[in-house]
Protein backbone atom coordinates (compact mmCIF):
# COMPACT_ATOMS: atom_id res chain seq x y z
CA MET A 1 -27.87 -6.77 4.86
CA GLN A 2 -26.23 -3.88 6.68
CA ILE A 3 -26.64 -0.49 5.02
CA GLY A 4 -24.51 2.52 5.84
CA ILE A 5 -22.57 5.54 4.65
CA ASP A 6 -18.92 6.32 3.99
CA SER A 7 -17.45 9.81 3.94
CA PHE A 8 -14.14 11.32 2.88
CA ALA A 9 -15.01 14.61 4.62
CA ALA A 10 -14.79 16.47 1.33
CA ALA A 11 -13.88 20.14 1.65
CA ILE A 12 -14.53 20.98 -2.01
CA SER A 13 -16.74 23.93 -2.88
CA ASP A 14 -20.11 22.88 -4.26
CA PRO A 15 -19.81 23.63 -8.02
CA ALA A 16 -23.58 24.12 -8.32
CA THR A 17 -23.94 26.70 -5.53
CA GLY A 18 -20.43 27.96 -4.85
CA LEU A 19 -20.90 26.88 -1.23
CA THR A 20 -17.58 26.82 0.59
CA LEU A 21 -17.37 25.69 4.20
CA SER A 22 -14.53 26.22 6.63
CA PRO A 23 -12.81 22.98 7.66
CA ALA A 24 -14.23 23.31 11.18
CA GLU A 25 -17.77 23.81 9.88
CA ARG A 26 -17.48 20.87 7.50
CA LEU A 27 -16.33 18.54 10.28
CA HIS A 28 -19.14 19.67 12.57
CA HIS A 29 -21.62 18.97 9.75
CA LEU A 30 -20.07 15.54 9.32
CA LEU A 31 -20.54 14.74 13.01
CA ASP A 32 -24.17 15.85 12.72
CA GLU A 33 -24.58 13.51 9.75
CA ILE A 34 -23.14 10.54 11.64
CA THR A 35 -25.43 11.30 14.57
CA LEU A 36 -28.44 11.42 12.27
CA ALA A 37 -27.43 8.16 10.58
CA ASP A 38 -27.45 6.52 14.01
CA GLN A 39 -30.84 8.00 14.87
CA VAL A 40 -32.54 6.79 11.66
CA GLY A 41 -31.27 3.24 12.09
CA LEU A 42 -28.42 2.88 9.62
CA ASP A 43 -25.93 0.17 10.51
CA VAL A 44 -22.48 1.62 9.85
CA PHE A 45 -20.62 4.85 9.13
CA GLY A 46 -17.14 4.83 7.65
CA ILE A 47 -14.49 7.55 7.39
CA GLY A 48 -11.83 7.33 4.69
CA GLU A 49 -8.20 8.36 4.87
CA HIS A 50 -6.59 10.84 2.48
CA HIS A 51 -3.70 13.26 2.67
CA ARG A 52 -4.90 15.84 0.15
CA ALA A 53 -6.18 19.40 0.42
CA GLU A 54 -9.71 18.53 -0.72
CA PHE A 55 -10.39 16.01 2.06
CA LEU A 56 -10.35 16.44 5.86
CA ASP A 57 -10.02 12.76 6.79
CA SER A 58 -6.28 12.35 7.39
CA ALA A 59 -7.01 11.22 10.98
CA PRO A 60 -10.14 9.04 10.70
CA ALA A 61 -9.89 7.52 14.18
CA VAL A 62 -10.15 11.01 15.70
CA ILE A 63 -13.34 11.79 13.75
CA LEU A 64 -14.82 8.41 14.64
CA ALA A 65 -13.99 8.86 18.32
CA ALA A 66 -15.82 12.18 18.32
CA ALA A 67 -18.77 10.46 16.64
CA ALA A 68 -18.69 7.65 19.20
CA THR A 69 -19.57 10.07 21.99
CA ARG A 70 -22.67 11.23 20.07
CA THR A 71 -24.04 7.87 18.90
CA LYS A 72 -25.41 4.70 20.48
CA ASN A 73 -25.80 1.87 17.97
CA ILE A 74 -24.13 2.59 14.64
CA ARG A 75 -20.87 0.79 13.88
CA LEU A 76 -17.88 3.06 13.25
CA THR A 77 -15.24 2.03 10.76
CA SER A 78 -12.41 3.26 8.60
CA ALA A 79 -13.07 3.35 4.86
CA VAL A 80 -10.21 2.61 4.34
CA THR A 81 -7.20 2.76 6.65
CA VAL A 82 -4.20 3.16 4.31
CA LEU A 83 -2.30 0.42 6.10
CA SER A 84 0.64 0.42 3.68
CA ALA A 85 1.64 3.87 4.95
CA ALA A 86 0.81 3.37 8.61
CA ASP A 87 2.33 1.66 11.64
CA PRO A 88 0.08 -1.32 12.47
CA VAL A 89 0.85 -0.95 16.16
CA ARG A 90 -0.52 2.60 16.21
CA VAL A 91 -3.47 1.66 13.99
CA PHE A 92 -4.45 -1.10 16.39
CA GLN A 93 -4.02 1.13 19.44
CA GLU A 94 -6.14 3.89 17.91
CA PHE A 95 -8.99 1.59 16.90
CA ALA A 96 -8.85 -0.43 20.12
CA THR A 97 -9.26 2.87 21.96
CA LEU A 98 -12.17 3.74 19.65
CA ASP A 99 -13.69 0.35 20.47
CA LEU A 100 -13.53 1.14 24.18
CA ILE A 101 -15.03 4.61 23.73
CA SER A 102 -17.83 3.28 21.52
CA GLN A 103 -18.57 0.25 23.72
CA GLY A 104 -17.60 -2.28 21.06
CA ARG A 105 -18.69 -0.63 17.80
CA ALA A 106 -15.36 -0.06 16.04
CA GLU A 107 -14.00 -1.76 12.91
CA ILE A 108 -11.07 -1.40 10.52
CA VAL A 109 -11.24 -1.70 6.75
CA ALA A 110 -7.58 -2.02 5.76
CA GLY A 111 -6.49 -1.18 2.23
CA ARG A 112 -3.67 0.18 0.10
CA GLY A 113 -5.48 3.39 -0.86
CA SER A 114 -6.23 4.78 -4.30
CA PHE A 115 -3.99 7.87 -3.97
CA ILE A 116 -0.23 7.90 -3.50
CA GLU A 117 0.44 11.05 -1.43
CA SER A 118 0.92 9.07 1.78
CA TYR A 119 4.02 7.28 0.46
CA PRO A 120 6.38 10.27 0.13
CA LEU A 121 4.68 11.93 3.11
CA PHE A 122 5.73 9.08 5.39
CA GLY A 123 9.04 8.33 3.69
CA LEU A 124 7.95 5.17 1.88
CA LYS A 125 8.71 3.88 -1.61
CA LEU A 126 5.81 3.52 -4.02
CA GLU A 127 7.47 0.49 -5.60
CA ASP A 128 6.90 -1.30 -2.27
CA TYR A 129 3.13 -0.69 -2.64
CA ASP A 130 2.05 -4.32 -2.34
CA SER A 131 4.74 -5.75 -0.09
CA LEU A 132 4.15 -2.97 2.45
CA PHE A 133 0.47 -3.83 2.64
CA ALA A 134 0.96 -7.60 2.84
CA GLU A 135 3.55 -7.31 5.60
CA LYS A 136 1.66 -4.74 7.64
CA LEU A 137 -1.61 -6.65 7.37
CA ASP A 138 0.21 -9.71 8.71
CA LEU A 139 1.47 -7.66 11.67
CA LEU A 140 -1.95 -6.10 12.32
CA LEU A 141 -3.56 -9.55 12.47
CA ASN A 142 -0.78 -10.78 14.76
CA ILE A 143 -1.44 -7.88 17.12
CA ARG A 144 -5.16 -8.57 17.03
CA ASP A 145 -4.58 -12.19 18.05
CA ASN A 146 -1.78 -11.70 20.60
CA THR A 147 -1.23 -9.16 23.35
CA HIS A 148 2.49 -9.97 23.37
CA VAL A 149 3.77 -9.89 19.81
CA THR A 150 6.72 -11.70 18.28
CA TRP A 151 7.10 -10.72 14.63
CA SER A 152 9.71 -9.67 12.08
CA GLY A 153 9.53 -8.26 8.55
CA LYS A 154 11.31 -6.22 5.92
CA HIS A 155 9.74 -2.78 6.34
CA ARG A 156 9.49 -2.36 10.12
CA ALA A 157 11.59 -3.11 13.17
CA ALA A 158 10.89 -6.52 14.70
CA LEU A 159 8.79 -7.08 17.79
CA THR A 160 10.24 -9.51 20.30
CA GLY A 161 7.41 -10.08 22.73
CA GLN A 162 6.37 -6.50 23.43
CA ALA A 163 2.79 -6.01 24.58
CA VAL A 164 0.35 -3.86 22.61
CA TYR A 165 -2.29 -2.01 24.67
CA PRO A 166 -5.11 -1.24 25.05
CA ARG A 167 -7.06 -4.34 24.06
CA PRO A 168 -10.47 -3.81 22.45
CA ILE A 169 -13.82 -5.01 23.74
CA GLN A 170 -14.53 -7.07 20.63
CA ASP A 171 -12.64 -10.35 20.34
CA PRO A 172 -11.74 -10.89 17.62
CA PHE A 173 -11.70 -7.26 16.59
CA PRO A 174 -13.32 -6.87 13.12
CA ILE A 175 -10.80 -6.27 10.34
CA TRP A 176 -11.99 -6.15 6.73
CA VAL A 177 -9.84 -5.98 3.61
CA GLY A 178 -10.71 -3.16 1.21
CA VAL A 179 -10.10 -3.97 -2.46
CA GLY A 180 -10.57 -2.52 -5.92
CA GLY A 181 -10.37 -4.78 -8.95
CA THR A 182 -7.07 -6.64 -8.50
CA PRO A 183 -7.61 -10.43 -8.43
CA SER A 184 -4.65 -11.03 -6.11
CA SER A 185 -6.29 -8.81 -3.49
CA PHE A 186 -9.43 -10.97 -3.54
CA VAL A 187 -7.28 -14.10 -3.22
CA ARG A 188 -5.34 -12.64 -0.27
CA ALA A 189 -8.53 -11.81 1.64
CA GLY A 190 -9.91 -15.28 0.96
CA MET A 191 -6.72 -17.02 2.10
CA LEU A 192 -6.82 -15.05 5.36
CA GLY A 193 -10.55 -15.60 5.86
CA LEU A 194 -11.17 -11.88 6.31
CA PRO A 195 -14.38 -10.10 5.29
CA LEU A 196 -14.08 -8.24 1.99
CA MET A 197 -15.08 -4.65 1.20
CA VAL A 198 -15.20 -4.06 -2.56
CA ALA A 199 -15.09 -0.51 -3.95
CA ILE A 200 -17.31 -0.31 -7.05
CA ILE A 201 -17.26 3.26 -8.32
CA GLY A 202 -17.98 2.81 -12.03
CA GLY A 203 -18.99 0.41 -14.76
CA GLU A 204 -21.42 -2.43 -14.07
CA PRO A 205 -21.35 -4.20 -10.69
CA HIS A 206 -22.13 -7.63 -12.15
CA ARG A 207 -18.60 -7.68 -13.59
CA PHE A 208 -17.29 -8.20 -10.05
CA ARG A 209 -19.17 -11.50 -9.70
CA ARG A 210 -16.24 -13.65 -10.79
CA LEU A 211 -13.80 -11.86 -8.47
CA ILE A 212 -16.14 -12.34 -5.51
CA GLU A 213 -16.52 -16.00 -6.41
CA LEU A 214 -12.71 -16.23 -6.52
CA TYR A 215 -12.57 -14.79 -3.00
CA ARG A 216 -15.15 -17.25 -1.69
CA GLU A 217 -13.60 -20.24 -3.45
CA THR A 218 -10.14 -19.34 -2.14
CA GLY A 219 -11.46 -18.90 1.39
CA GLU A 220 -13.27 -22.21 1.42
CA ARG A 221 -10.21 -24.04 0.03
CA ALA A 222 -8.17 -22.46 2.84
CA GLY A 223 -10.58 -23.99 5.35
CA HIS A 224 -12.60 -20.93 6.30
CA ALA A 225 -16.31 -21.36 7.00
CA PRO A 226 -18.57 -19.74 4.37
CA GLU A 227 -20.20 -17.51 7.00
CA LYS A 228 -16.79 -15.91 7.69
CA LEU A 229 -16.40 -14.88 4.05
CA LYS A 230 -18.60 -11.80 4.15
CA VAL A 231 -18.74 -9.37 1.22
CA GLY A 232 -19.46 -5.67 1.51
CA LEU A 233 -19.70 -3.03 -1.20
CA HIS A 234 -18.61 0.62 -1.16
CA MET A 235 -20.59 2.42 -3.87
CA ILE A 236 -21.26 6.01 -4.85
CA GLY A 237 -24.85 7.07 -4.32
CA PHE A 238 -27.25 9.76 -3.25
CA ALA A 239 -30.94 9.85 -2.29
CA ALA A 240 -33.61 12.52 -2.63
CA ASP A 241 -37.40 12.69 -2.75
CA THR A 242 -37.36 12.25 -6.53
CA THR A 243 -34.85 10.62 -8.81
CA LYS A 244 -34.54 13.80 -10.87
CA GLU A 245 -33.73 15.83 -7.77
CA ALA A 246 -31.13 13.28 -6.66
CA ALA A 247 -29.41 13.27 -10.04
CA ASP A 248 -29.50 17.04 -10.52
CA THR A 249 -28.21 17.69 -6.99
CA PHE A 250 -25.42 15.15 -7.10
CA TYR A 251 -24.11 15.51 -10.64
CA PRO A 252 -22.22 18.85 -10.44
CA GLY A 253 -20.04 17.77 -7.53
CA TYR A 254 -19.57 14.28 -8.94
CA ALA A 255 -18.48 15.67 -12.32
CA HIS A 256 -16.12 18.19 -10.72
CA THR A 257 -14.41 15.61 -8.50
CA PHE A 258 -13.95 12.95 -11.16
CA THR A 259 -12.85 15.45 -13.77
CA GLU A 260 -10.17 16.77 -11.41
CA ILE A 261 -9.00 13.24 -10.56
CA GLY A 262 -9.05 12.48 -14.27
CA LYS A 263 -6.54 15.26 -14.91
CA GLU A 264 -4.10 13.34 -12.71
CA ARG A 265 -4.87 9.92 -14.14
CA GLY A 266 -5.47 10.62 -17.81
CA TRP A 267 -9.27 10.26 -17.84
CA PRO A 268 -11.44 12.45 -20.07
CA PRO A 269 -13.76 15.01 -18.43
CA THR A 270 -16.93 13.57 -16.92
CA THR A 271 -20.16 14.31 -18.84
CA ARG A 272 -23.81 14.24 -17.87
CA ALA A 273 -24.44 11.51 -20.44
CA GLN A 274 -21.84 9.29 -18.80
CA PHE A 275 -23.28 10.00 -15.37
CA ASP A 276 -26.82 9.18 -16.49
CA ALA A 277 -25.65 5.94 -18.10
CA VAL A 278 -23.87 4.74 -14.97
CA ARG A 279 -26.87 5.53 -12.76
CA GLY A 280 -29.04 3.35 -15.00
CA PRO A 281 -30.58 0.04 -13.87
CA LYS A 282 -27.34 -1.97 -14.16
CA GLY A 283 -24.78 0.75 -13.51
CA ALA A 284 -22.68 1.34 -10.40
CA LEU A 285 -24.23 4.61 -9.18
CA LEU A 286 -27.02 4.38 -6.59
CA ILE A 287 -28.76 7.65 -7.43
CA GLY A 288 -32.49 8.19 -7.02
CA ASP A 289 -35.55 8.13 -4.83
CA ALA A 290 -36.09 5.42 -2.24
CA ALA A 291 -37.79 2.99 -4.61
CA THR A 292 -35.15 3.39 -7.32
CA ILE A 293 -32.29 2.83 -4.89
CA THR A 294 -34.03 -0.12 -3.24
CA ASP A 295 -34.49 -1.83 -6.61
CA LYS A 296 -30.84 -1.20 -7.52
CA ILE A 297 -29.57 -2.64 -4.23
CA LEU A 298 -31.66 -5.77 -4.67
CA TYR A 299 -30.37 -6.14 -8.23
CA VAL A 300 -26.74 -5.75 -7.14
CA ASN A 301 -27.23 -8.22 -4.29
CA GLU A 302 -28.57 -10.84 -6.68
CA ALA A 303 -26.00 -10.11 -9.40
CA LEU A 304 -23.12 -10.65 -6.97
CA GLY A 305 -24.46 -13.72 -5.24
CA GLY A 306 -25.44 -12.08 -1.97
CA ILE A 307 -23.73 -9.33 0.03
CA SER A 308 -23.58 -8.58 3.74
CA ARG A 309 -23.09 -4.81 3.71
CA LEU A 310 -23.49 -1.86 1.36
CA THR A 311 -22.16 1.61 2.17
CA PHE A 312 -23.00 4.77 0.25
CA GLN A 313 -20.30 7.31 -0.63
CA MET A 314 -22.45 10.44 -0.88
CA GLY A 315 -19.82 13.10 -0.25
CA VAL A 316 -17.64 13.21 -3.34
CA SER A 317 -18.13 16.97 -3.17
CA THR A 318 -19.55 19.38 -0.60
CA LEU A 319 -23.34 19.20 -0.83
CA PRO A 320 -25.73 21.43 1.13
CA HIS A 321 -26.00 20.07 4.65
CA LYS A 322 -29.81 19.91 4.59
CA LYS A 323 -29.75 17.84 1.40
CA MET A 324 -27.24 15.45 2.94
CA GLN A 325 -29.42 15.12 6.01
CA ARG A 326 -32.48 14.43 3.88
CA ALA A 327 -30.55 11.77 1.95
CA ILE A 328 -29.55 10.10 5.21
CA GLU A 329 -33.17 10.15 6.41
CA ILE A 330 -34.33 8.47 3.19
CA LEU A 331 -31.69 5.76 3.44
CA GLY A 332 -32.48 5.03 7.08
CA THR A 333 -36.27 5.30 7.12
CA ALA A 334 -37.21 4.11 3.63
CA VAL A 335 -34.42 2.30 1.76
CA ALA A 336 -32.95 0.13 4.53
CA PRO A 337 -36.33 -1.15 5.83
CA ALA A 338 -37.55 -1.90 2.29
CA VAL A 339 -34.38 -3.80 1.39
CA ARG A 340 -34.48 -5.85 4.58
CA LYS A 341 -38.18 -6.65 4.16
CA GLN A 342 -37.72 -7.89 0.61
CA LEU A 343 -34.64 -9.93 1.46
CA VAL A 344 -36.51 -11.63 4.32
CA ALA A 345 -39.48 -12.32 2.04
CA ALA A 346 -37.19 -13.85 -0.57
CA ALA A 347 -35.31 -16.05 1.90
């Protein structure tokens, strides 16, 4: 199992300390964190894409390219690329360039996004939410498979044999589909035989078992080999030397972020009782010391029938840089080796 980290480059003041970083300082801290993740042996680092004041990740390929020059082994991916609001030609060119810079370590996780700001920003209609994604994913895959592209659709001008350069080192270039809880999204990924990245940010992970089975069943019926139908998870988590420290450090920023999002979406304010419940043994939050997180990962892996990758979203708010670095150290030097050892022993 690959273990890594995702970041949205949050630029939100830490509610517990009042810490406020300049955008430049926050991005330099983020590059330090990616470098450290590489040094401690984590497998992947992902950068999200948002177009909001509280996040600095509107150009993820630029951040990942900067990280590529400072790292050697870690895979560098989007988390996710909001493909519905992007031009697939430019997305492919940007990530192919990243692949060249990183010597073959780039990936794309393509999704529709959980916020809607990108639609009016780029002159798109929200009612085309799904058809935009389906059409643009089709074009992105066509570009991946063909240097000279012949394609037509509803939302973009046709291509009539134009070449798309540069070409990446990896062939085929890795493209995952990022999904939430919509069954049709799992079916689409299975039909295409693309690896699946599932965002589980609340509730109980075992409830996704049937959707993941649907993905695998659909993929196999479409003729894709089982080994192609990889499943990854994007989950919120944080590590510290004790579980109490992890929970107490992470909760203020978590509560602030989800309460603010809740104001937009009609959710009630987040409470400590809710937070503690969801970080329990069967909940979706991976919060704790190394042993607690290891046990939770092994439980989730079994509950969902085996996963290939798990990435931690630790930056829902701005946490002190030293605490983030310590969390990364724990994941790389304690959690990841323990998970791999136990999975090998159980095989």
